[in-house]
N, C-alpha and C. Protein backbone atom coordinates (compact mmCIF):
# COMPACT_ATOMS: atom_id res chain seq x y z
N MET A 1 0.86 -0.96 0.07
CA MET A 1 0.02 -0.09 0.13
C MET A 1 0.79 1.01 -0.19
N THR A 2 1.94 1.39 0.76
CA THR A 2 2.66 2.43 0.73
C THR A 2 3.40 2.88 -0.27
N ASN A 3 3.97 1.35 -0.99
CA ASN A 3 4.47 1.60 -2.44
C ASN A 3 3.41 2.43 -3.57
N LYS A 4 2.48 1.97 -3.42
CA LYS A 4 1.53 2.30 -4.00
C LYS A 4 1.55 3.93 -4.02
N LEU A 5 1.06 4.64 -3.06
CA LEU A 5 0.94 5.52 -2.60
C LEU A 5 2.46 6.97 -3.14
N LEU A 6 3.33 5.69 -2.63
CA LEU A 6 4.55 6.83 -3.20
C LEU A 6 4.95 6.96 -4.45
N LEU A 7 4.27 5.50 -5.31
CA LEU A 7 4.41 5.92 -6.67
C LEU A 7 3.46 6.76 -7.56
N ALA A 8 2.38 6.90 -6.64
CA ALA A 8 0.91 7.73 -7.05
C ALA A 8 1.93 9.35 -6.84
N ALA A 9 2.74 9.85 -5.81
CA ALA A 9 2.82 10.96 -5.05
C ALA A 9 3.95 11.28 -5.96
N THR A 10 4.63 10.18 -6.36
CA THR A 10 6.05 10.69 -7.33
C THR A 10 5.28 11.13 -9.05
N MET A 11 4.43 10.09 -9.06
CA MET A 11 4.11 10.73 -10.73
C MET A 11 2.96 11.73 -10.75
N ALA A 12 2.54 12.02 -9.60
CA ALA A 12 1.99 13.89 -9.31
C ALA A 12 2.69 14.83 -9.10
N ALA A 13 4.01 14.63 -8.96
CA ALA A 13 5.32 14.91 -8.65
C ALA A 13 5.56 16.00 -10.34
N LEU A 14 5.73 14.66 -10.82
CA LEU A 14 6.23 14.48 -12.16
C LEU A 14 5.34 15.34 -13.27
N PHE A 15 3.73 15.00 -13.25
CA PHE A 15 3.11 15.47 -14.03
C PHE A 15 3.15 17.07 -13.44
N ALA A 16 3.16 17.79 -12.55
CA ALA A 16 3.17 18.92 -12.00
C ALA A 16 4.42 19.89 -12.34
N LEU A 17 5.26 19.08 -12.31
CA LEU A 17 6.86 19.71 -12.97
C LEU A 17 6.48 20.87 -13.71
N PRO A 18 6.36 20.27 -15.28
CA PRO A 18 5.87 21.40 -16.24
C PRO A 18 5.13 22.66 -15.89
N MET A 19 3.98 22.70 -14.74
CA MET A 19 3.25 23.23 -14.78
C MET A 19 3.90 24.23 -13.27
N ALA A 20 4.47 23.49 -12.42
CA ALA A 20 5.78 24.00 -11.57
C ALA A 20 6.72 25.49 -12.10
N ALA A 21 7.06 24.76 -13.27
CA ALA A 21 7.72 25.44 -14.16
C ALA A 21 7.75 27.05 -14.43
N GLN A 22 6.43 26.91 -14.69
CA GLN A 22 6.08 28.20 -14.96
C GLN A 22 5.65 28.99 -13.88
N ALA A 23 5.79 28.67 -12.59
CA ALA A 23 5.50 29.64 -11.74
C ALA A 23 7.01 30.16 -11.38
N GLN A 24 7.23 31.32 -11.36
CA GLN A 24 8.49 31.71 -11.02
C GLN A 24 8.63 32.51 -9.48
N GLY A 25 9.55 31.62 -8.77
CA GLY A 25 9.58 32.17 -7.49
C GLY A 25 9.18 30.88 -6.75
N THR A 26 9.99 31.01 -5.76
CA THR A 26 10.05 29.84 -4.99
C THR A 26 8.40 29.57 -3.90
N VAL A 27 7.89 30.72 -3.50
CA VAL A 27 6.62 30.48 -2.93
C VAL A 27 5.24 29.89 -3.88
N ARG A 28 5.74 30.79 -4.90
CA ARG A 28 4.65 30.71 -5.71
C ARG A 28 4.81 28.90 -6.28
N GLY A 29 5.78 28.77 -6.74
CA GLY A 29 6.22 27.47 -7.49
C GLY A 29 5.67 26.36 -6.16
N ALA A 30 6.50 26.50 -5.09
CA ALA A 30 5.91 25.66 -3.88
C ALA A 30 4.46 25.42 -3.81
N GLN A 31 3.58 26.32 -4.05
CA GLN A 31 1.95 26.57 -3.47
C GLN A 31 1.50 25.76 -4.66
N ARG A 32 1.62 26.08 -5.32
CA ARG A 32 1.22 25.52 -6.93
C ARG A 32 1.40 23.74 -6.85
N GLY A 33 2.64 23.81 -7.02
CA GLY A 33 3.05 22.27 -6.86
C GLY A 33 2.22 21.28 -5.60
N ALA A 34 2.42 22.22 -4.22
CA ALA A 34 1.60 21.30 -3.51
C ALA A 34 0.30 21.17 -3.92
N GLU A 35 -0.28 22.12 -4.36
CA GLU A 35 -1.99 22.26 -4.61
C GLU A 35 -2.39 20.77 -5.93
N GLU A 36 -1.54 21.15 -6.82
CA GLU A 36 -1.88 19.89 -7.85
C GLU A 36 -1.64 18.72 -7.73
N GLY A 37 0.21 18.62 -6.54
CA GLY A 37 0.24 17.37 -6.12
C GLY A 37 -0.76 16.81 -4.99
N ALA A 38 -1.48 17.34 -4.39
CA ALA A 38 -2.11 17.02 -3.44
C ALA A 38 -3.43 16.72 -4.02
N ALA A 39 -3.81 17.28 -5.28
CA ALA A 39 -5.18 17.14 -6.36
C ALA A 39 -4.91 15.60 -6.65
N ALA A 40 -3.67 15.55 -7.30
CA ALA A 40 -3.39 14.47 -7.83
C ALA A 40 -3.47 12.53 -6.97
N ALA A 41 -2.52 13.03 -5.90
CA ALA A 41 -2.18 11.91 -5.08
C ALA A 41 -2.66 12.30 -3.61
N GLY A 42 -3.30 13.50 -3.27
CA GLY A 42 -3.33 13.01 -1.73
C GLY A 42 -2.52 13.99 -0.77
N PRO A 43 -2.59 13.66 0.37
CA PRO A 43 -1.47 14.46 1.28
C PRO A 43 -0.10 14.07 0.76
N VAL A 44 0.34 12.90 0.43
CA VAL A 44 1.74 12.97 0.08
C VAL A 44 2.18 13.34 -1.18
N GLY A 45 0.78 13.35 -1.67
CA GLY A 45 1.39 14.23 -3.30
C GLY A 45 1.54 15.58 -3.22
N GLY A 46 0.72 16.30 -2.04
CA GLY A 46 0.84 17.72 -1.66
C GLY A 46 2.48 17.83 -1.50
N ILE A 47 2.79 17.02 -0.43
CA ILE A 47 4.22 17.33 -0.07
C ILE A 47 5.32 17.17 -1.12
N VAL A 48 5.17 16.03 -2.04
CA VAL A 48 6.24 15.69 -3.27
C VAL A 48 6.05 17.22 -3.98
N GLY A 49 4.77 17.40 -4.44
CA GLY A 49 4.64 18.73 -5.33
C GLY A 49 5.03 19.77 -4.74
N GLY A 50 4.84 19.86 -3.24
CA GLY A 50 5.57 21.20 -2.98
C GLY A 50 6.93 21.49 -3.11
N ALA A 51 7.48 20.14 -2.86
CA ALA A 51 9.01 20.41 -2.48
C ALA A 51 9.58 20.05 -4.50
N VAL A 52 9.00 19.93 -5.18
CA VAL A 52 9.28 19.75 -6.70
C VAL A 52 8.95 21.40 -7.00
N GLY A 53 7.84 22.11 -6.46
CA GLY A 53 7.35 23.19 -6.92
C GLY A 53 8.60 24.15 -6.35
N ALA A 54 8.71 24.38 -5.64
CA ALA A 54 9.69 25.26 -5.02
C ALA A 54 10.70 25.36 -5.79
N ALA A 55 11.70 24.20 -5.66
CA ALA A 55 12.66 23.97 -6.34
C ALA A 55 13.05 24.58 -8.14
N THR A 56 11.76 24.30 -8.91
CA THR A 56 11.85 24.61 -9.97
C THR A 56 11.25 26.00 -9.86
N GLY A 57 10.62 26.52 -9.16
CA GLY A 57 10.11 28.08 -9.08
C GLY A 57 11.43 28.70 -8.36
N THR A 58 12.17 28.25 -7.64
CA THR A 58 13.55 28.94 -7.66
C THR A 58 14.57 28.93 -8.82
N VAL A 59 14.72 28.13 -9.26
CA VAL A 59 15.56 28.00 -10.50
C VAL A 59 14.88 29.25 -11.54
N GLY A 60 13.50 29.20 -11.76
CA GLY A 60 13.16 30.22 -12.75
C GLY A 60 13.01 31.99 -12.52
N GLY A 61 12.96 32.10 -11.18
CA GLY A 61 12.91 32.96 -10.68
C GLY A 61 13.92 33.87 -10.27
N ILE A 62 14.04 35.18 -11.10
CA ILE A 62 15.28 35.98 -10.48
C ILE A 62 14.58 37.03 -9.71
N LEU A 63 13.52 37.67 -9.81
CA LEU A 63 13.13 38.50 -9.16
C LEU A 63 12.35 38.05 -7.97
N GLY A 64 11.82 38.52 -7.08
CA GLY A 64 11.46 37.74 -5.50
C GLY A 64 9.87 38.06 -6.05
N VAL A 65 9.09 37.18 -5.48
CA VAL A 65 7.42 37.15 -5.82
C VAL A 65 6.85 38.21 -5.33
N ASP A 66 7.07 38.72 -4.03
CA ASP A 66 6.92 39.96 -3.71
C ASP A 66 7.38 41.00 -3.94
N ASP A 67 8.38 41.48 -4.96
CA ASP A 67 8.56 42.39 -5.63
C ASP A 67 8.11 42.83 -6.92
N ARG A 68 7.85 41.16 -7.72
CA ARG A 68 7.01 41.41 -8.83
C ARG A 68 6.10 42.54 -9.28
N PRO A 69 5.04 42.68 -8.33
CA PRO A 69 3.84 43.79 -8.89
C PRO A 69 4.27 45.10 -8.33
N ARG A 70 5.21 45.32 -7.77
CA ARG A 70 5.82 46.55 -7.35
C ARG A 70 7.05 46.50 -8.70
N PHE A 71 7.80 46.11 -9.08
CA PHE A 71 8.52 45.91 -10.34
C PHE A 71 7.72 46.49 -11.47
N ARG A 72 6.49 45.88 -11.63
CA ARG A 72 5.54 45.80 -13.11
C ARG A 72 5.26 47.61 -12.89
N ASN A 73 4.55 47.73 -11.60
CA ASN A 73 4.34 49.33 -12.06
C ASN A 73 5.85 50.69 -12.14
N TYR A 74 7.02 49.75 -11.49
CA TYR A 74 8.39 50.62 -11.73
C TYR A 74 8.31 50.87 -13.03
N VAL A 75 8.21 49.99 -14.21
CA VAL A 75 8.37 49.99 -15.45
C VAL A 75 7.33 50.63 -15.85
N THR A 76 5.91 50.49 -15.80
CA THR A 76 4.83 51.16 -15.91
C THR A 76 4.53 52.81 -16.17
N GLU A 77 5.05 52.58 -14.52
CA GLU A 77 5.43 54.58 -14.64
C GLU A 77 6.61 55.18 -15.22
N ARG A 78 7.42 54.38 -16.06
CA ARG A 78 8.72 54.89 -16.96
C ARG A 78 8.23 54.65 -18.38
N ARG A 79 6.96 54.35 -18.83
CA ARG A 79 6.76 54.47 -20.00
C ARG A 79 7.62 53.68 -20.86
N VAL A 80 8.36 52.99 -20.43
CA VAL A 80 9.42 52.10 -21.50
C VAL A 80 8.72 51.86 -22.87
N LYS A 81 9.29 52.08 -23.93
CA LYS A 81 8.82 51.82 -25.29
C LYS A 81 8.81 50.27 -24.96
N SER A 82 8.08 49.71 -25.93
CA SER A 82 7.62 48.53 -26.01
C SER A 82 8.44 47.82 -27.55
N TYR A 83 8.61 47.06 -27.25
CA TYR A 83 9.65 46.52 -28.59
C TYR A 83 8.53 45.41 -29.40
N ASP A 84 8.24 45.61 -30.45
CA ASP A 84 7.21 44.62 -31.31
C ASP A 84 8.29 43.30 -31.48
N TYR A 85 8.00 42.35 -31.42
CA TYR A 85 8.33 41.12 -31.43
C TYR A 85 8.24 40.05 -31.74
N ASP A 86 8.62 39.53 -33.30
CA ASP A 86 7.31 38.30 -33.78
C ASP A 86 7.35 37.07 -32.76
N GLY A 87 8.49 36.81 -32.29
CA GLY A 87 8.42 35.22 -31.63
C GLY A 87 7.58 35.71 -30.25
N ARG A 88 7.61 34.39 -29.43
CA ARG A 88 6.88 34.03 -28.45
C ARG A 88 7.57 34.76 -27.11
N VAL A 89 6.81 35.46 -26.72
CA VAL A 89 7.60 36.29 -25.25
C VAL A 89 7.45 35.25 -24.10
N ALA A 90 8.63 34.39 -23.81
CA ALA A 90 8.92 33.44 -22.78
C ALA A 90 10.40 33.09 -22.44
N VAL A 91 10.16 32.77 -21.64
CA VAL A 91 11.78 32.34 -20.92
C VAL A 91 12.41 31.51 -21.67
N GLY A 92 13.43 31.58 -21.97
CA GLY A 92 14.43 31.65 -23.12
C GLY A 92 14.37 31.65 -24.62
N SER A 93 13.33 32.31 -24.80
CA SER A 93 13.69 33.60 -25.94
C SER A 93 14.65 34.54 -26.08
N THR A 94 15.53 34.26 -27.44
CA THR A 94 16.53 35.22 -26.95
C THR A 94 16.05 36.89 -27.68
N LEU A 95 16.21 37.48 -27.58
CA LEU A 95 15.99 38.92 -28.09
C LEU A 95 17.31 39.40 -28.74
N PRO A 96 16.89 40.28 -30.22
CA PRO A 96 18.01 41.27 -30.55
C PRO A 96 18.65 41.73 -29.76
N SER A 97 20.20 41.86 -30.27
CA SER A 97 21.04 42.68 -29.54
C SER A 97 21.02 44.36 -30.02
N SER A 98 20.29 44.46 -31.26
CA SER A 98 20.09 45.74 -31.34
C SER A 98 18.50 46.22 -32.11
N GLY A 99 18.22 47.68 -31.61
CA GLY A 99 16.76 47.63 -31.79
C GLY A 99 15.87 47.62 -30.34
N VAL A 100 16.45 46.92 -29.74
CA VAL A 100 15.69 46.86 -28.50
C VAL A 100 16.65 47.75 -27.11
N THR A 101 15.88 48.48 -26.16
CA THR A 101 16.70 49.04 -25.64
C THR A 101 16.28 48.32 -24.11
N TYR A 102 17.60 48.22 -23.61
CA TYR A 102 17.72 47.60 -22.15
C TYR A 102 17.89 48.34 -21.27
N TYR A 103 17.63 48.28 -19.87
CA TYR A 103 17.52 49.23 -19.09
C TYR A 103 18.05 48.34 -17.60
N ASP A 104 19.07 49.05 -16.85
CA ASP A 104 19.18 48.54 -15.80
C ASP A 104 17.98 48.22 -14.35
N VAL A 105 18.58 47.14 -13.88
CA VAL A 105 17.16 46.95 -12.87
C VAL A 105 17.52 47.76 -11.57
N PRO A 106 17.15 48.70 -10.97
CA PRO A 106 17.73 49.20 -9.54
C PRO A 106 17.60 48.41 -8.90
N ASP A 107 18.75 48.84 -7.82
CA ASP A 107 19.05 47.89 -6.90
C ASP A 107 18.53 47.87 -5.35
N GLU A 108 17.15 48.85 -5.50
CA GLU A 108 16.15 47.88 -4.43
C GLU A 108 15.20 46.97 -4.69
N TYR A 109 15.64 46.34 -5.99
CA TYR A 109 15.25 45.08 -6.53
C TYR A 109 15.73 43.75 -5.82
N HIS A 110 17.21 43.81 -5.75
CA HIS A 110 17.96 43.00 -5.33
C HIS A 110 17.93 41.71 -6.40
N VAL A 111 18.24 42.51 -7.75
CA VAL A 111 18.61 41.44 -8.62
C VAL A 111 20.23 41.04 -9.36
N LYS A 112 20.76 40.17 -9.14
CA LYS A 112 22.08 40.00 -8.98
C LYS A 112 22.44 40.83 -10.35
N PRO A 113 24.16 41.47 -10.61
CA PRO A 113 24.53 42.02 -11.90
C PRO A 113 24.34 41.00 -13.20
N GLY A 114 23.82 41.72 -14.30
CA GLY A 114 24.18 41.42 -15.28
C GLY A 114 22.97 40.75 -16.01
N TYR A 115 21.72 41.34 -15.04
CA TYR A 115 20.41 41.55 -15.40
C TYR A 115 20.18 42.65 -15.54
N ARG A 116 18.91 42.39 -17.10
CA ARG A 116 18.45 43.84 -17.32
C ARG A 116 17.15 43.87 -17.87
N TYR A 117 16.45 44.92 -18.10
CA TYR A 117 14.99 44.48 -18.14
C TYR A 117 14.67 45.49 -19.35
N THR A 118 13.51 44.88 -19.89
CA THR A 118 12.98 45.74 -21.21
C THR A 118 11.55 45.15 -21.19
N VAL A 119 10.69 45.75 -22.25
CA VAL A 119 9.12 45.58 -22.63
C VAL A 119 9.26 45.39 -24.11
N VAL A 120 8.81 43.78 -24.05
CA VAL A 120 8.54 43.42 -25.07
C VAL A 120 6.85 42.48 -25.41
N ASN A 121 6.24 43.39 -26.85
CA ASN A 121 5.12 43.10 -26.92
C ASN A 121 4.01 43.69 -25.50
N LYS A 122 4.55 44.78 -25.02
CA LYS A 122 3.88 45.32 -23.97
C LYS A 122 4.34 44.22 -22.39
N GLN A 123 4.71 43.46 -22.58
CA GLN A 123 4.88 42.86 -21.50
C GLN A 123 6.69 42.46 -21.11
N PRO A 124 6.36 43.51 -19.40
CA PRO A 124 8.24 43.31 -19.13
C PRO A 124 8.47 42.27 -18.92
N VAL A 125 10.02 42.29 -19.08
CA VAL A 125 10.70 40.97 -19.01
C VAL A 125 12.11 41.37 -18.40
N LEU A 126 13.00 40.26 -17.98
CA LEU A 126 13.94 40.59 -17.37
C LEU A 126 15.26 39.26 -18.68
N VAL A 127 16.45 40.16 -18.63
CA VAL A 127 16.81 39.48 -19.49
C VAL A 127 18.35 39.27 -19.01
N ASP A 128 19.36 38.19 -19.59
CA ASP A 128 20.56 38.14 -19.06
C ASP A 128 21.45 38.53 -19.95
N ARG A 129 22.68 38.53 -19.69
CA ARG A 129 23.78 39.07 -20.69
C ARG A 129 23.86 38.62 -22.14
N SER A 130 23.27 37.65 -22.75
CA SER A 130 23.16 37.40 -24.08
C SER A 130 21.74 37.65 -24.57
N HIS A 131 21.10 38.43 -23.51
CA HIS A 131 19.56 39.06 -24.37
C HIS A 131 18.39 37.96 -24.32
N ARG A 132 18.74 36.72 -23.44
CA ARG A 132 17.68 35.63 -23.07
C ARG A 132 16.97 36.22 -22.66
N ILE A 133 15.84 36.01 -22.87
CA ILE A 133 14.38 36.24 -21.65
C ILE A 133 14.70 35.45 -20.61
N VAL A 134 15.33 35.45 -19.26
CA VAL A 134 14.90 34.88 -17.95
C VAL A 134 13.98 34.97 -17.10
N GLU A 135 12.99 35.71 -17.29
CA GLU A 135 11.90 36.07 -16.37
C GLU A 135 10.47 37.05 -17.49
N VAL A 136 9.72 36.38 -17.51
CA VAL A 136 8.58 37.14 -17.63
C VAL A 136 7.61 37.80 -16.71
N ILE A 137 7.28 39.33 -16.51
CA ILE A 137 7.14 39.79 -15.31
C ILE A 137 5.55 39.57 -15.55
N ASP A 138 4.82 39.09 -15.19
CA ASP A 138 3.45 38.57 -15.53
C ASP A 138 2.29 39.56 -14.20
């Protein structure tokens, strides 16, 4: 019985992984993973899903979860011109080095050096040194 429950929890965590990877930030990733794991496999699934969701959320999140709405407001208030991009605005997409204006992230957001922001298709994004989108600020 215990083996079946553990197998079900593991499978739930694996199925929740792609959805949890979309959650950026440890807290939101853990919350989503726990909810989806619990729905699929009960309490043990919730525990496993929460751990997996937190791990994937931490990997994807550069900007803290609490800072995201404030940062979005910061960008909106500056009326940063949006770059029209034909591709999909998603983590992993690489933006061109010319034609896009990149801005430094203010120190108050505690983002490690090397990351900048821009607005693409009216969506604020963080990019790394190679202009690859590392976080979409929703």
